[in-house]
Amino acid sequence: MATYIVTEDFIYPRDKHNHEYGWGWSLLNTPEDLYGREACQCNRSPQESYQRIFEFSQNSLLTRFLYASTYLKKY
């Protein structure tokens, strides 16, 4: 079981003239509240999700870069 939290908006403090100033504060919410429970359903089992992530990481650019950099260090 997992809980996801996403940024819904940024809220900025206001001065006495009602102007926004400073750094924004992140307004956090759950995806179910923002998009609805139907939009957040996953039709895969945890094993299928793991397999998809594993296959993606094997083909990713980062993996290829790390492989190339270790190969170049040997020679």
C-alpha atoms as a PDB file:
ATOM      1  CA  MET A   1       0.000   0.000   0.000  1.00  0.00           C
ATOM      2  CA  ALA A   2       1.340   3.425  -0.911  1.00  0.00           C
ATOM      3  CA  THR A   3       0.256   7.027  -0.582  1.00  0.00           C
ATOM      4  CA  TYR A   4       1.044   9.563  -3.252  1.00  0.00           C
ATOM      5  CA  ILE A   5       1.075  13.309  -2.701  1.00  0.00           C
ATOM      6  CA  VAL A   6       1.187  15.752  -5.606  1.00  0.00           C
ATOM      7  CA  THR A   7       1.494  19.523  -5.859  1.00  0.00           C
ATOM      8  CA  GLU A   8      -1.868  21.085  -6.651  1.00  0.00           C
ATOM      9  CA  ASP A   9      -0.852  24.755  -6.681  1.00  0.00           C
ATOM     10  CA  PHE A  10       1.496  27.336  -5.199  1.00  0.00           C
ATOM     11  CA  ILE A  11       0.179  29.910  -2.739  1.00  0.00           C
ATOM     12  CA  TYR A  12       2.079  33.149  -2.202  1.00  0.00           C
ATOM     13  CA  PRO A  13       1.942  35.314   0.909  1.00  0.00           C
ATOM     14  CA  ARG A  14       0.405  38.771   0.447  1.00  0.00           C
ATOM     15  CA  ASP A  15       1.500  42.089   1.900  1.00  0.00           C
ATOM     16  CA  LYS A  16      -0.789  44.770   3.358  1.00  0.00           C
ATOM     17  CA  HIS A  17      -1.455  46.040  -0.180  1.00  0.00           C
ATOM     18  CA  ASN A  18      -2.618  42.549  -1.207  1.00  0.00           C
ATOM     19  CA  HIS A  19       0.395  41.999  -3.501  1.00  0.00           C
ATOM     20  CA  GLU A  20       2.034  38.593  -3.680  1.00  0.00           C
ATOM     21  CA  TYR A  21       5.631  38.425  -2.472  1.00  0.00           C
ATOM     22  CA  GLY A  22       8.325  35.931  -1.503  1.00  0.00           C
ATOM     23  CA  TRP A  23       8.524  32.221  -2.130  1.00  0.00           C
ATOM     24  CA  GLY A  24       5.404  30.275  -2.937  1.00  0.00           C
ATOM     25  CA  TRP A  25       4.086  27.616  -0.593  1.00  0.00           C
ATOM     26  CA  SER A  26       3.248  24.308  -2.177  1.00  0.00           C
ATOM     27  CA  LEU A  27      -0.362  23.239  -1.754  1.00  0.00           C
ATOM     28  CA  LEU A  28      -0.281  19.434  -1.522  1.00  0.00           C
ATOM     29  CA  ASN A  29      -3.120  17.059  -2.248  1.00  0.00           C
ATOM     30  CA  THR A  30      -3.785  13.443  -3.194  1.00  0.00           C
ATOM     31  CA  PRO A  31      -4.241  12.460  -6.863  1.00  0.00           C
ATOM     32  CA  GLU A  32      -7.656  10.984  -6.041  1.00  0.00           C
ATOM     33  CA  ASP A  33      -8.917  14.377  -4.868  1.00  0.00           C
ATOM     34  CA  LEU A  34      -7.536  16.151  -7.927  1.00  0.00           C
ATOM     35  CA  TYR A  35      -8.349  13.737 -10.747  1.00  0.00           C
ATOM     36  CA  GLY A  36     -10.914  11.359  -9.256  1.00  0.00           C
ATOM     37  CA  ARG A  37     -10.543   7.785  -8.059  1.00  0.00           C
ATOM     38  CA  GLU A  38     -11.257   6.342 -11.515  1.00  0.00           C
ATOM     39  CA  ALA A  39      -8.246   8.116 -13.057  1.00  0.00           C
ATOM     40  CA  CYS A  40      -5.878   6.668 -10.446  1.00  0.00           C
ATOM     41  CA  GLN A  41      -6.614   2.956 -10.872  1.00  0.00           C
ATOM     42  CA  CYS A  42      -3.810   0.643 -11.985  1.00  0.00           C
ATOM     43  CA  ASN A  43      -4.767  -2.445 -13.983  1.00  0.00           C
ATOM     44  CA  ARG A  44      -1.442  -4.224 -13.456  1.00  0.00           C
ATOM     45  CA  SER A  45      -0.201  -6.484 -10.716  1.00  0.00           C
ATOM     46  CA  PRO A  46       2.890  -5.443  -8.730  1.00  0.00           C
ATOM     47  CA  GLN A  47       4.927  -8.059 -10.624  1.00  0.00           C
ATOM     48  CA  GLU A  48       3.839  -6.647 -13.992  1.00  0.00           C
ATOM     49  CA  SER A  49       4.713  -3.126 -12.838  1.00  0.00           C
ATOM     50  CA  TYR A  50       8.137  -4.290 -11.682  1.00  0.00           C
ATOM     51  CA  GLN A  51       8.758  -5.986 -15.020  1.00  0.00           C
ATOM     52  CA  ARG A  52       7.837  -2.830 -16.945  1.00  0.00           C
ATOM     53  CA  ILE A  53      10.138  -0.682 -14.796  1.00  0.00           C
ATOM     54  CA  PHE A  54      12.952  -3.214 -15.129  1.00  0.00           C
ATOM     55  CA  GLU A  55      12.632  -3.365 -18.926  1.00  0.00           C
ATOM     56  CA  PHE A  56      12.483   0.415 -19.188  1.00  0.00           C
ATOM     57  CA  SER A  57      15.586   0.864 -17.039  1.00  0.00           C
ATOM     58  CA  GLN A  58      17.515  -1.582 -19.199  1.00  0.00           C
ATOM     59  CA  ASN A  59      16.764   0.499 -22.266  1.00  0.00           C
ATOM     60  CA  SER A  60      17.086   3.932 -20.734  1.00  0.00           C
ATOM     61  CA  LEU A  61      19.618   6.491 -21.775  1.00  0.00           C
ATOM     62  CA  LEU A  62      21.037   6.665 -18.253  1.00  0.00           C
ATOM     63  CA  THR A  63      21.841   2.966 -18.262  1.00  0.00           C
ATOM     64  CA  ARG A  64      23.550   3.281 -21.618  1.00  0.00           C
ATOM     65  CA  PHE A  65      25.521   6.290 -20.431  1.00  0.00           C
ATOM     66  CA  LEU A  66      26.706   4.530 -17.278  1.00  0.00           C
ATOM     67  CA  TYR A  67      27.723   1.483 -19.296  1.00  0.00           C
ATOM     68  CA  ALA A  68      29.637   3.633 -21.790  1.00  0.00           C
ATOM     69  CA  SER A  69      31.416   5.601 -19.058  1.00  0.00           C
ATOM     70  CA  THR A  70      32.581   2.443 -17.269  1.00  0.00           C
ATOM     71  CA  TYR A  71      33.688   0.957 -20.591  1.00  0.00           C
ATOM     72  CA  LEU A  72      35.743   4.059 -21.440  1.00  0.00           C
ATOM     73  CA  LYS A  73      37.435   4.065 -18.013  1.00  0.00           C
ATOM     74  CA  LYS A  74      38.872   0.607 -18.693  1.00  0.00           C
ATOM     75  CA  TYR A  75      40.771   1.787 -21.780  1.00  0.00           C
END
